[in-house]
Amino acid sequence: MGIKDQFQDKADQLKEQAQRAREGVQEEVSERRQQAQKRARERAQQGQEQAQDAAQEARDRFEP
């Protein structure tokens, strides 16, 4: 095996490692995004429920 082949093999190996690393990062980013969206939906739901509760309390206070 010539030196050129050795360099090419090493370059291919590094290219594959870089690709796997990118895929791992992309998966992590996707997972974090999903978690953040889930938390945002939960907070929005809580806010909606609190607003509905407050509105109901106000109606109960002012209705005869």
C-alpha atoms as a PDB file:
ATOM      1  CA  MET A   1       0.000   0.000   0.000  1.00  0.00           C
ATOM      2  CA  GLY A   2       1.450   3.301  -1.041  1.00  0.00           C
ATOM      3  CA  ILE A   3       1.621   6.461   0.998  1.00  0.00           C
ATOM      4  CA  LYS A   4      -1.099   8.022  -1.156  1.00  0.00           C
ATOM      5  CA  ASP A   5      -3.436   5.133  -0.320  1.00  0.00           C
ATOM      6  CA  GLN A   6      -2.659   5.465   3.376  1.00  0.00           C
ATOM      7  CA  PHE A   7      -3.505   9.168   3.303  1.00  0.00           C
ATOM      8  CA  GLN A   8      -6.701   8.464   1.376  1.00  0.00           C
ATOM      9  CA  ASP A   9      -7.735   5.770   3.878  1.00  0.00           C
ATOM     10  CA  LYS A  10      -7.085   8.126   6.788  1.00  0.00           C
ATOM     11  CA  ALA A  11      -9.018  10.918   5.041  1.00  0.00           C
ATOM     12  CA  ASP A  12     -11.961   8.573   4.476  1.00  0.00           C
ATOM     13  CA  GLN A  13     -11.849   7.468   8.102  1.00  0.00           C
ATOM     14  CA  LEU A  14     -11.854  11.066   9.338  1.00  0.00           C
ATOM     15  CA  LYS A  15     -14.669  11.955   6.961  1.00  0.00           C
ATOM     16  CA  GLU A  16     -16.785   9.105   8.359  1.00  0.00           C
ATOM     17  CA  GLN A  17     -16.038  10.167  11.939  1.00  0.00           C
ATOM     18  CA  ALA A  18     -17.052  13.733  11.139  1.00  0.00           C
ATOM     19  CA  GLN A  19     -20.291  12.536   9.544  1.00  0.00           C
ATOM     20  CA  ARG A  20     -21.170  10.427  12.599  1.00  0.00           C
ATOM     21  CA  ALA A  21     -20.400  13.371  14.876  1.00  0.00           C
ATOM     22  CA  ARG A  22     -22.654  15.674  12.815  1.00  0.00           C
ATOM     23  CA  GLU A  23     -25.466  13.137  12.921  1.00  0.00           C
ATOM     24  CA  GLY A  24     -25.112  12.830  16.685  1.00  0.00           C
ATOM     25  CA  VAL A  25     -25.275  16.590  17.133  1.00  0.00           C
ATOM     26  CA  GLN A  26     -28.286  16.845  14.838  1.00  0.00           C
ATOM     27  CA  GLU A  27     -30.105  14.179  16.857  1.00  0.00           C
ATOM     28  CA  GLU A  28     -29.300  15.978  20.107  1.00  0.00           C
ATOM     29  CA  VAL A  29     -30.491  19.318  18.722  1.00  0.00           C
ATOM     30  CA  SER A  30     -33.700  17.727  17.497  1.00  0.00           C
ATOM     31  CA  GLU A  31     -34.339  16.116  20.876  1.00  0.00           C
ATOM     32  CA  ARG A  32     -33.691  19.368  22.738  1.00  0.00           C
ATOM     33  CA  ARG A  33     -36.000  21.241  20.367  1.00  0.00           C
ATOM     34  CA  GLN A  34     -38.777  18.725  20.977  1.00  0.00           C
ATOM     35  CA  GLN A  35     -38.325  18.985  24.740  1.00  0.00           C
ATOM     36  CA  ALA A  36     -38.414  22.784  24.593  1.00  0.00           C
ATOM     37  CA  GLN A  37     -41.562  22.732  22.477  1.00  0.00           C
ATOM     38  CA  LYS A  38     -43.205  20.319  24.907  1.00  0.00           C
ATOM     39  CA  ARG A  39     -42.346  22.555  27.870  1.00  0.00           C
ATOM     40  CA  ALA A  40     -43.665  25.596  26.002  1.00  0.00           C
ATOM     41  CA  ARG A  41     -46.953  23.812  25.256  1.00  0.00           C
ATOM     42  CA  GLU A  42     -47.271  22.776  28.897  1.00  0.00           C
ATOM     43  CA  ARG A  43     -46.635  26.338  30.101  1.00  0.00           C
ATOM     44  CA  ALA A  44     -49.136  27.700  27.599  1.00  0.00           C
ATOM     45  CA  GLN A  45     -51.713  25.184  28.800  1.00  0.00           C
ATOM     46  CA  GLN A  46     -51.070  26.161  32.423  1.00  0.00           C
ATOM     47  CA  GLY A  47     -51.465  29.827  31.547  1.00  0.00           C
ATOM     48  CA  GLN A  48     -54.705  29.100  29.722  1.00  0.00           C
ATOM     49  CA  GLU A  49     -56.048  27.165  32.694  1.00  0.00           C
ATOM     50  CA  GLN A  50     -55.069  29.933  35.111  1.00  0.00           C
ATOM     51  CA  ALA A  51     -56.752  32.533  32.916  1.00  0.00           C
ATOM     52  CA  GLN A  52     -59.924  30.453  32.742  1.00  0.00           C
ATOM     53  CA  ASP A  53     -59.916  29.968  36.509  1.00  0.00           C
ATOM     54  CA  ALA A  54     -59.453  33.702  37.082  1.00  0.00           C
ATOM     55  CA  ALA A  55     -62.243  34.522  34.649  1.00  0.00           C
ATOM     56  CA  GLN A  56     -64.559  32.058  36.367  1.00  0.00           C
ATOM     57  CA  GLU A  57     -63.735  33.533  39.782  1.00  0.00           C
ATOM     58  CA  ALA A  58     -64.513  37.012  38.479  1.00  0.00           C
ATOM     59  CA  ARG A  59     -67.845  35.855  37.047  1.00  0.00           C
ATOM     60  CA  ASP A  60     -68.719  34.082  40.285  1.00  0.00           C
ATOM     61  CA  ARG A  61     -67.963  37.220  42.277  1.00  0.00           C
ATOM     62  CA  PHE A  62     -70.122  39.534  40.202  1.00  0.00           C
ATOM     63  CA  GLU A  63     -73.049  37.284  39.345  1.00  0.00           C
ATOM     64  CA  PRO A  64     -76.032  37.338  41.688  1.00  0.00           C
END
